[in-house]
Protein backbone atom coordinates (compact mmCIF):
# COMPACT_ATOMS: atom_id res chain seq x y z
CA MET A 1 -0.51 8.12 -10.58
CA THR A 2 2.18 5.47 -10.94
CA ASP A 3 2.28 3.53 -14.20
CA ILE A 4 1.59 -0.13 -13.54
CA LEU A 5 3.08 -2.39 -16.18
CA PRO A 6 0.47 -4.97 -17.24
CA THR A 7 3.00 -7.73 -17.87
CA ALA A 8 5.20 -7.08 -14.83
CA SER A 9 4.78 -9.01 -11.60
CA TYR A 10 4.12 -7.18 -8.35
CA VAL A 11 4.54 -8.46 -4.82
CA ARG A 12 4.12 -7.09 -1.31
CA ASN A 13 6.93 -4.89 -0.07
CA PRO A 14 8.60 -6.92 2.71
CA GLN A 15 9.11 -3.66 4.62
CA GLY A 16 5.41 -2.80 4.29
CA LEU A 17 2.48 -3.39 6.59
CA LYS A 18 3.07 -5.71 9.49
CA GLU A 19 0.49 -4.62 12.06
CA SER A 20 -2.96 -6.06 11.42
CA ALA A 21 -4.91 -3.01 12.62
CA ARG A 22 -2.83 -0.61 10.55
CA GLN A 23 -3.08 -2.92 7.55
CA ASN A 24 -6.88 -2.98 7.75
CA ALA A 25 -7.11 0.81 8.01
CA ILE A 26 -4.77 1.40 5.06
CA LEU A 27 -6.47 -1.21 2.89
CA ALA A 28 -9.86 0.37 3.67
CA SER A 29 -8.50 3.77 2.65
CA ILE A 30 -7.07 2.36 -0.58
CA SER A 31 -10.38 0.63 -1.31
CA GLU A 32 -12.17 3.94 -1.06
CA GLN A 33 -9.65 5.70 -3.32
CA ALA A 34 -9.81 2.89 -5.90
CA GLU A 35 -13.61 2.68 -5.61
CA LEU A 36 -13.54 -1.01 -4.72
CA ASP A 37 -15.05 -3.09 -1.95
CA VAL A 38 -12.74 -3.73 0.99
CA GLU A 39 -13.22 -7.45 0.33
CA GLU A 40 -11.88 -7.11 -3.24
CA THR A 41 -8.92 -5.09 -2.01
CA THR A 42 -8.19 -7.65 0.68
CA GLN A 43 -8.35 -10.48 -1.87
CA VAL A 44 -5.82 -8.67 -4.07
CA TRP A 45 -3.62 -7.98 -1.02
CA ASP A 46 -3.71 -11.68 -0.10
CA LEU A 47 -2.71 -12.68 -3.63
CA LEU A 48 0.26 -10.30 -3.51
CA GLU A 49 2.03 -12.54 -1.01
CA THR A 50 3.45 -14.08 -4.17
CA PRO A 51 4.30 -12.28 -7.44
CA GLN A 52 1.22 -11.44 -9.52
CA THR A 53 0.54 -9.64 -12.80
CA VAL A 54 -2.58 -7.59 -13.46
CA ASP A 55 -3.84 -10.47 -15.63
CA THR A 56 -3.29 -13.16 -12.98
CA ILE A 57 -5.10 -11.05 -10.39
CA CYS A 58 -8.03 -10.53 -12.76
CA ARG A 59 -8.21 -14.25 -13.51
CA SER A 60 -7.98 -15.20 -9.83
CA ILE A 61 -10.54 -12.75 -8.50
CA GLY A 62 -12.54 -11.56 -11.45
CA ALA A 63 -13.76 -14.87 -12.78
CA ASP A 64 -17.25 -13.33 -12.82
CA GLY A 65 -15.95 -10.25 -14.65
CA SER A 66 -16.57 -7.85 -11.77
CA LEU A 67 -12.94 -6.83 -11.31
CA GLY A 68 -11.51 -5.71 -14.64
CA SER A 69 -7.92 -4.89 -15.49
CA GLU A 70 -8.51 -1.13 -15.26
CA ARG A 71 -9.74 -1.42 -11.68
CA VAL A 72 -6.92 -3.78 -10.70
CA THR A 73 -4.37 -1.44 -12.29
CA HIS A 74 -5.79 1.51 -10.34
CA LEU A 75 -5.68 -0.49 -7.10
CA LEU A 76 -2.09 -1.59 -7.69
CA ALA A 77 -1.11 2.01 -8.47
CA GLU A 78 -2.57 3.13 -5.14
CA MET A 79 -0.69 0.37 -3.31
CA TYR A 80 2.52 1.14 -5.18
CA ALA A 81 2.24 4.86 -4.40
CA LYS A 82 1.97 3.99 -0.70
CA ASP A 83 5.04 1.72 -0.97
CA LEU A 84 3.01 -1.36 -0.05
CA ILE A 85 4.02 -3.30 -3.15
CA GLN A 86 7.04 -3.41 -5.41
CA LEU A 87 8.06 -4.86 -8.71
CA SER A 88 8.87 -8.49 -8.17
CA PRO A 89 12.61 -9.15 -8.35
CA ASP A 90 11.93 -11.81 -11.01
CA SER A 91 10.11 -9.36 -13.33
């Protein structure tokens, strides 16, 4: 698994998913691998339109504590391995 740096910012790969149907299928697959709900994965994906750290994602989505940093890190690692996200150029 790819090491996700907790203080680095990640953002969608501009060469990544463009087709809505393909995006939904891949995000569903990643959700299953990361053991998350598709809704949580989609929320993270939406946030990654702009640079985000693990901490900012946790604060944005996990206000109720349901999405901890370990789960976010695993999800980002899955996305990174599939070349869907990249380190933000400003990291």
